[in-house]
């Protein structure tokens, strides 16, 4: 998968996550379920993006839920300020 395709996957994942959070708290994994990830990559690839949304005050953690994915914990996130989220990521 090329760099531009990886950037496209990140943009799609970010939009899906923010849209899902408009409905209420959710995990990132839940929001991107069904999204094809770059070959050889898993959900940990998106950790920096989720951390950036948190750092920028767009989302905040509100707990944890059980996870079936051994490589990732399932932090529950809540949308705080979607005006800064945008679709330009």
C-alpha atoms as a PDB file:
ATOM      1  CA  UNK A   1       0.000   0.000   0.000  1.00  0.00           C
ATOM      2  CA  UNK A   2       1.456   3.354  -1.019  1.00  0.00           C
ATOM      3  CA  UNK A   3       1.933   6.329   1.294  1.00  0.00           C
ATOM      4  CA  UNK A   4      -0.992   8.143  -0.310  1.00  0.00           C
ATOM      5  CA  UNK A   5      -3.217   5.110   0.268  1.00  0.00           C
ATOM      6  CA  UNK A   6      -2.135   4.945   3.908  1.00  0.00           C
ATOM      7  CA  UNK A   7      -2.975   8.650   4.312  1.00  0.00           C
ATOM      8  CA  UNK A   8      -6.366   7.977   2.750  1.00  0.00           C
ATOM      9  CA  UNK A   9      -7.025   5.132   5.213  1.00  0.00           C
ATOM     10  CA  UNK A  10      -6.085   7.478   8.087  1.00  0.00           C
ATOM     11  CA  UNK A  11      -8.475  10.166   6.793  1.00  0.00           C
ATOM     12  CA  UNK A  12     -11.300   7.664   6.447  1.00  0.00           C
ATOM     13  CA  UNK A  13     -10.640   6.251   9.919  1.00  0.00           C
ATOM     14  CA  UNK A  14     -10.616   9.721  11.479  1.00  0.00           C
ATOM     15  CA  UNK A  15     -13.914  10.675   9.812  1.00  0.00           C
ATOM     16  CA  UNK A  16     -15.555   7.382  10.814  1.00  0.00           C
ATOM     17  CA  UNK A  17     -14.391   7.794  14.406  1.00  0.00           C
ATOM     18  CA  UNK A  18     -15.640  11.378  14.720  1.00  0.00           C
ATOM     19  CA  UNK A  19     -18.960  10.524  13.061  1.00  0.00           C
ATOM     20  CA  UNK A  20     -19.451   7.528  15.349  1.00  0.00           C
ATOM     21  CA  UNK A  21     -18.713   9.674  18.412  1.00  0.00           C
ATOM     22  CA  UNK A  22     -21.524  12.037  17.387  1.00  0.00           C
ATOM     23  CA  UNK A  23     -23.876   9.184  18.382  1.00  0.00           C
ATOM     24  CA  UNK A  24     -22.290   8.791  21.831  1.00  0.00           C
ATOM     25  CA  UNK A  25     -19.212   7.250  23.452  1.00  0.00           C
ATOM     26  CA  UNK A  26     -17.428   4.562  21.434  1.00  0.00           C
ATOM     27  CA  UNK A  27     -14.127   2.796  21.030  1.00  0.00           C
ATOM     28  CA  UNK A  28     -11.912   3.549  18.062  1.00  0.00           C
ATOM     29  CA  UNK A  29     -11.934  -0.139  17.120  1.00  0.00           C
ATOM     30  CA  UNK A  30     -15.723  -0.124  17.017  1.00  0.00           C
ATOM     31  CA  UNK A  31     -15.753   2.983  14.824  1.00  0.00           C
ATOM     32  CA  UNK A  32     -13.406   1.582  12.178  1.00  0.00           C
ATOM     33  CA  UNK A  33     -14.734  -1.978  12.133  1.00  0.00           C
ATOM     34  CA  UNK A  34     -14.720  -3.190   8.531  1.00  0.00           C
ATOM     35  CA  UNK A  35     -12.113  -0.679   7.357  1.00  0.00           C
ATOM     36  CA  UNK A  36      -9.384  -2.409   5.364  1.00  0.00           C
ATOM     37  CA  UNK A  37      -6.035  -1.706   7.010  1.00  0.00           C
ATOM     38  CA  UNK A  38      -2.713  -1.580   5.174  1.00  0.00           C
ATOM     39  CA  UNK A  39      -1.217  -5.042   4.728  1.00  0.00           C
ATOM     40  CA  UNK A  40       0.769  -6.141   7.763  1.00  0.00           C
ATOM     41  CA  UNK A  41      -0.671  -3.381   9.982  1.00  0.00           C
ATOM     42  CA  UNK A  42      -3.149  -3.484  12.854  1.00  0.00           C
ATOM     43  CA  UNK A  43      -5.138  -0.970  14.873  1.00  0.00           C
ATOM     44  CA  UNK A  44      -2.121   0.197  16.852  1.00  0.00           C
ATOM     45  CA  UNK A  45      -1.165   2.134  13.730  1.00  0.00           C
ATOM     46  CA  UNK A  46      -3.821   4.707  14.635  1.00  0.00           C
ATOM     47  CA  UNK A  47      -2.710   5.348  18.224  1.00  0.00           C
ATOM     48  CA  UNK A  48      -0.978   8.631  17.426  1.00  0.00           C
ATOM     49  CA  UNK A  49      -4.034   9.935  15.596  1.00  0.00           C
ATOM     50  CA  UNK A  50      -6.333   9.164  18.535  1.00  0.00           C
ATOM     51  CA  UNK A  51      -3.783  10.705  20.909  1.00  0.00           C
ATOM     52  CA  UNK A  52      -3.724  13.851  18.756  1.00  0.00           C
ATOM     53  CA  UNK A  53      -7.531  14.142  18.900  1.00  0.00           C
ATOM     54  CA  UNK A  54      -7.301  13.832  22.681  1.00  0.00           C
ATOM     55  CA  UNK A  55      -4.443  16.331  22.990  1.00  0.00           C
ATOM     56  CA  UNK A  56      -6.343  18.841  20.868  1.00  0.00           C
ATOM     57  CA  UNK A  57      -9.408  18.610  23.118  1.00  0.00           C
ATOM     58  CA  UNK A  58     -11.646  17.026  20.476  1.00  0.00           C
ATOM     59  CA  UNK A  59     -12.216  13.783  22.417  1.00  0.00           C
ATOM     60  CA  UNK A  60     -11.810  12.638  26.000  1.00  0.00           C
ATOM     61  CA  UNK A  61     -11.629   9.204  27.602  1.00  0.00           C
ATOM     62  CA  UNK A  62     -14.671   8.076  29.594  1.00  0.00           C
ATOM     63  CA  UNK A  63     -13.721   4.504  30.523  1.00  0.00           C
ATOM     64  CA  UNK A  64     -12.869   1.096  29.161  1.00  0.00           C
ATOM     65  CA  UNK A  65     -14.891  -1.770  27.738  1.00  0.00           C
ATOM     66  CA  UNK A  66     -13.890  -5.422  27.288  1.00  0.00           C
ATOM     67  CA  UNK A  67     -11.901  -6.060  24.116  1.00  0.00           C
ATOM     68  CA  UNK A  68     -11.638  -9.182  21.996  1.00  0.00           C
ATOM     69  CA  UNK A  69      -8.537  -7.710  20.334  1.00  0.00           C
ATOM     70  CA  UNK A  70      -5.477  -8.844  22.291  1.00  0.00           C
ATOM     71  CA  UNK A  71      -3.173  -6.179  20.866  1.00  0.00           C
ATOM     72  CA  UNK A  72      -5.331  -3.176  21.783  1.00  0.00           C
ATOM     73  CA  UNK A  73      -7.150  -2.025  24.859  1.00  0.00           C
ATOM     74  CA  UNK A  74     -10.655  -0.699  24.347  1.00  0.00           C
ATOM     75  CA  UNK A  75     -10.724   2.799  25.698  1.00  0.00           C
ATOM     76  CA  UNK A  76     -14.119   4.419  25.463  1.00  0.00           C
ATOM     77  CA  UNK A  77     -14.007   7.942  24.007  1.00  0.00           C
ATOM     78  CA  UNK A  78     -16.483  10.811  24.047  1.00  0.00           C
ATOM     79  CA  UNK A  79     -16.662  13.667  21.560  1.00  0.00           C
ATOM     80  CA  UNK A  80     -15.983  16.975  23.306  1.00  0.00           C
ATOM     81  CA  UNK A  81     -15.583  19.525  20.498  1.00  0.00           C
ATOM     82  CA  UNK A  82     -16.297  18.491  16.930  1.00  0.00           C
ATOM     83  CA  UNK A  83     -15.825  22.065  15.672  1.00  0.00           C
ATOM     84  CA  UNK A  84     -12.071  21.415  15.753  1.00  0.00           C
ATOM     85  CA  UNK A  85     -12.290  17.915  14.258  1.00  0.00           C
ATOM     86  CA  UNK A  86     -13.099  18.721  10.671  1.00  0.00           C
ATOM     87  CA  UNK A  87     -12.913  16.337   7.738  1.00  0.00           C
ATOM     88  CA  UNK A  88      -9.558  17.579   6.502  1.00  0.00           C
ATOM     89  CA  UNK A  89      -7.360  15.015   8.213  1.00  0.00           C
END
